[in-house]
């Protein structure tokens, strides 16, 4: 994620806006990786007060591959 600025959340995670997010503000997804645990956290960046989804990296990769079809 080079060239992308991280936004540090209250949860201590560095959140990055996904490159798959729309630029017009409609759909917006942020991702963060928990160091040492390897879990990928995904949240709606329009409502960061809602709980994030935590998945294993292989599950996220499979989802992204499926969604790209």
N, C-alpha and C. Protein backbone atom coordinates (compact mmCIF):
# COMPACT_ATOMS: atom_id res chain seq x y z
N UNK A 1 0.82 -1.18 0.00
CA UNK A 1 0.00 0.00 0.00
C UNK A 1 0.86 1.24 0.00
N UNK A 2 1.90 1.22 -0.76
CA UNK A 2 2.80 2.36 -0.81
C UNK A 2 2.10 3.56 -1.41
N UNK A 3 2.44 4.74 -0.92
CA UNK A 3 1.84 5.97 -1.41
C UNK A 3 0.46 6.25 -0.84
N UNK A 4 -0.01 5.43 0.08
CA UNK A 4 -1.31 5.60 0.69
C UNK A 4 -1.11 5.99 2.14
N UNK A 5 -1.79 7.04 2.57
CA UNK A 5 -1.64 7.50 3.95
C UNK A 5 -2.57 6.72 4.87
N UNK A 6 -2.02 6.26 5.96
CA UNK A 6 -2.81 5.51 6.94
C UNK A 6 -3.52 6.49 7.87
N UNK A 7 -4.69 6.08 8.33
CA UNK A 7 -5.44 6.86 9.30
C UNK A 7 -5.52 6.02 10.56
N UNK A 8 -4.90 6.48 11.64
CA UNK A 8 -4.87 5.71 12.89
C UNK A 8 -6.23 5.82 13.58
N UNK A 9 -6.86 4.68 13.81
CA UNK A 9 -8.17 4.65 14.46
C UNK A 9 -8.04 4.60 15.96
N UNK A 10 -9.15 4.78 16.64
CA UNK A 10 -9.17 4.72 18.10
C UNK A 10 -8.79 3.33 18.61
N UNK A 11 -8.93 2.33 17.74
CA UNK A 11 -8.60 0.96 18.10
C UNK A 11 -7.11 0.67 17.99
N UNK A 12 -6.32 1.67 17.59
CA UNK A 12 -4.88 1.52 17.46
C UNK A 12 -4.42 0.92 16.14
N UNK A 13 -5.37 0.60 15.27
CA UNK A 13 -5.02 0.05 13.96
C UNK A 13 -4.79 1.18 12.96
N UNK A 14 -3.89 0.97 12.03
CA UNK A 14 -3.66 1.92 10.94
C UNK A 14 -4.58 1.52 9.78
N UNK A 15 -5.59 2.32 9.51
CA UNK A 15 -6.59 2.02 8.50
C UNK A 15 -6.22 2.65 7.17
N UNK A 16 -6.38 1.90 6.09
CA UNK A 16 -6.10 2.35 4.74
C UNK A 16 -7.36 2.24 3.90
N UNK A 17 -7.64 3.28 3.14
CA UNK A 17 -8.79 3.21 2.24
C UNK A 17 -8.46 2.24 1.12
N UNK A 18 -9.35 1.30 0.89
CA UNK A 18 -9.13 0.29 -0.15
C UNK A 18 -9.11 0.92 -1.53
N UNK A 19 -8.25 0.41 -2.38
CA UNK A 19 -8.19 0.90 -3.77
C UNK A 19 -9.45 0.52 -4.53
N UNK A 20 -10.25 -0.38 -3.97
CA UNK A 20 -11.51 -0.79 -4.61
C UNK A 20 -12.65 0.17 -4.25
N UNK A 21 -12.41 1.12 -3.34
CA UNK A 21 -13.45 2.05 -2.93
C UNK A 21 -13.73 3.06 -4.05
N UNK A 22 -14.99 3.47 -4.13
CA UNK A 22 -15.38 4.48 -5.11
C UNK A 22 -14.82 5.83 -4.68
N UNK A 23 -14.41 6.63 -5.63
CA UNK A 23 -13.86 7.94 -5.34
C UNK A 23 -14.90 9.00 -5.08
N UNK A 24 -16.17 8.71 -5.34
CA UNK A 24 -17.21 9.72 -5.21
C UNK A 24 -17.88 9.73 -3.83
N UNK A 25 -17.40 8.92 -2.90
CA UNK A 25 -17.94 8.90 -1.55
C UNK A 25 -19.11 7.95 -1.35
N UNK A 26 -19.54 7.25 -2.38
CA UNK A 26 -20.67 6.33 -2.25
C UNK A 26 -20.30 5.09 -1.46
N UNK A 27 -19.42 4.28 -2.00
CA UNK A 27 -18.94 3.08 -1.31
C UNK A 27 -17.52 3.35 -0.83
N UNK A 28 -17.28 3.06 0.42
CA UNK A 28 -15.96 3.34 0.97
C UNK A 28 -15.60 2.25 1.97
N UNK A 29 -14.52 1.54 1.71
CA UNK A 29 -14.06 0.46 2.57
C UNK A 29 -12.64 0.75 3.01
N UNK A 30 -12.38 0.53 4.29
CA UNK A 30 -11.02 0.65 4.83
C UNK A 30 -10.57 -0.70 5.34
N UNK A 31 -9.27 -0.94 5.25
CA UNK A 31 -8.69 -2.19 5.73
C UNK A 31 -7.51 -1.89 6.66
N UNK A 32 -7.27 -2.81 7.59
CA UNK A 32 -6.14 -2.71 8.50
C UNK A 32 -5.69 -4.13 8.83
N UNK A 33 -4.40 -4.29 9.08
CA UNK A 33 -3.86 -5.60 9.46
C UNK A 33 -3.37 -5.51 10.89
N UNK A 34 -3.78 -6.46 11.71
CA UNK A 34 -3.34 -6.50 13.10
C UNK A 34 -1.97 -7.16 13.15
N UNK A 35 -0.92 -6.40 13.46
CA UNK A 35 0.43 -6.96 13.49
C UNK A 35 0.54 -8.12 14.47
N UNK A 36 1.22 -9.16 14.05
CA UNK A 36 1.44 -10.31 14.89
C UNK A 36 0.32 -11.34 14.85
N UNK A 37 -0.87 -10.91 14.48
CA UNK A 37 -2.02 -11.82 14.43
C UNK A 37 -2.34 -12.20 12.99
N UNK A 38 -2.02 -11.30 12.05
CA UNK A 38 -2.25 -11.59 10.65
C UNK A 38 -3.68 -11.38 10.18
N UNK A 39 -4.58 -11.06 11.10
CA UNK A 39 -5.98 -10.85 10.71
C UNK A 39 -6.12 -9.54 9.94
N UNK A 40 -7.01 -9.57 8.96
CA UNK A 40 -7.33 -8.38 8.19
C UNK A 40 -8.67 -7.86 8.68
N UNK A 41 -8.71 -6.58 9.03
CA UNK A 41 -9.94 -5.95 9.50
C UNK A 41 -10.49 -5.09 8.37
N UNK A 42 -11.81 -5.15 8.19
CA UNK A 42 -12.48 -4.41 7.12
C UNK A 42 -13.64 -3.64 7.75
N UNK A 43 -13.78 -2.36 7.38
CA UNK A 43 -14.88 -1.57 7.91
C UNK A 43 -15.37 -0.56 6.88
N UNK A 44 -16.57 -0.07 7.12
CA UNK A 44 -17.18 0.98 6.31
C UNK A 44 -16.60 2.30 6.78
N UNK A 45 -15.88 3.01 5.92
CA UNK A 45 -15.23 4.24 6.38
C UNK A 45 -16.21 5.41 6.52
N UNK A 46 -17.45 5.23 6.08
CA UNK A 46 -18.45 6.28 6.29
C UNK A 46 -19.03 6.18 7.70
N UNK A 47 -18.91 5.03 8.35
CA UNK A 47 -19.42 4.84 9.71
C UNK A 47 -18.43 4.00 10.50
N UNK A 48 -17.39 4.65 10.99
CA UNK A 48 -16.32 3.95 11.69
C UNK A 48 -16.70 3.57 13.12
N UNK A 49 -17.89 3.96 13.57
CA UNK A 49 -18.32 3.57 14.91
C UNK A 49 -18.86 2.15 14.94
N UNK A 50 -19.19 1.61 13.77
CA UNK A 50 -19.67 0.23 13.69
C UNK A 50 -18.49 -0.73 13.79
N UNK A 51 -18.75 -1.92 14.25
CA UNK A 51 -17.70 -2.92 14.40
C UNK A 51 -17.10 -3.30 13.05
N UNK A 52 -15.82 -3.58 13.06
CA UNK A 52 -15.13 -4.03 11.85
C UNK A 52 -15.24 -5.55 11.74
N UNK A 53 -15.16 -6.03 10.54
CA UNK A 53 -15.14 -7.46 10.26
C UNK A 53 -13.68 -7.91 10.27
N UNK A 54 -13.36 -8.95 11.01
CA UNK A 54 -11.99 -9.48 11.06
C UNK A 54 -11.96 -10.85 10.41
N UNK A 55 -11.08 -11.01 9.42
CA UNK A 55 -10.97 -12.27 8.69
C UNK A 55 -9.50 -12.65 8.53
N UNK A 56 -9.29 -13.91 8.28
CA UNK A 56 -7.93 -14.39 8.00
C UNK A 56 -7.52 -13.88 6.61
N UNK A 57 -6.23 -13.64 6.38
CA UNK A 57 -5.78 -13.13 5.09
C UNK A 57 -6.20 -14.00 3.89
N UNK A 58 -6.21 -15.31 4.06
CA UNK A 58 -6.60 -16.18 2.94
C UNK A 58 -8.08 -16.00 2.60
N UNK A 59 -8.91 -15.77 3.62
CA UNK A 59 -10.34 -15.56 3.38
C UNK A 59 -10.56 -14.23 2.66
N UNK A 60 -9.83 -13.20 3.05
CA UNK A 60 -9.96 -11.90 2.37
C UNK A 60 -9.51 -12.01 0.92
N UNK A 61 -8.41 -12.69 0.68
CA UNK A 61 -7.91 -12.86 -0.68
C UNK A 61 -8.92 -13.61 -1.55
N UNK A 62 -9.54 -14.63 -0.99
CA UNK A 62 -10.55 -15.39 -1.74
C UNK A 62 -11.76 -14.52 -2.04
N UNK A 63 -12.18 -13.68 -1.08
CA UNK A 63 -13.31 -12.80 -1.30
C UNK A 63 -13.01 -11.78 -2.40
N UNK A 64 -11.83 -11.16 -2.33
CA UNK A 64 -11.46 -10.15 -3.33
C UNK A 64 -11.41 -10.79 -4.73
N UNK A 65 -10.87 -11.99 -4.81
CA UNK A 65 -10.81 -12.70 -6.09
C UNK A 65 -12.22 -12.97 -6.61
N UNK A 66 -13.12 -13.42 -5.74
CA UNK A 66 -14.50 -13.70 -6.13
C UNK A 66 -15.22 -12.42 -6.55
N UNK A 67 -15.02 -11.34 -5.80
CA UNK A 67 -15.71 -10.08 -6.10
C UNK A 67 -15.24 -9.46 -7.41
N UNK A 68 -14.03 -9.78 -7.83
CA UNK A 68 -13.48 -9.23 -9.06
C UNK A 68 -14.06 -9.90 -10.30
N UNK A 69 -14.78 -11.01 -10.15
CA UNK A 69 -15.35 -11.72 -11.32
C UNK A 69 -16.43 -10.92 -11.99
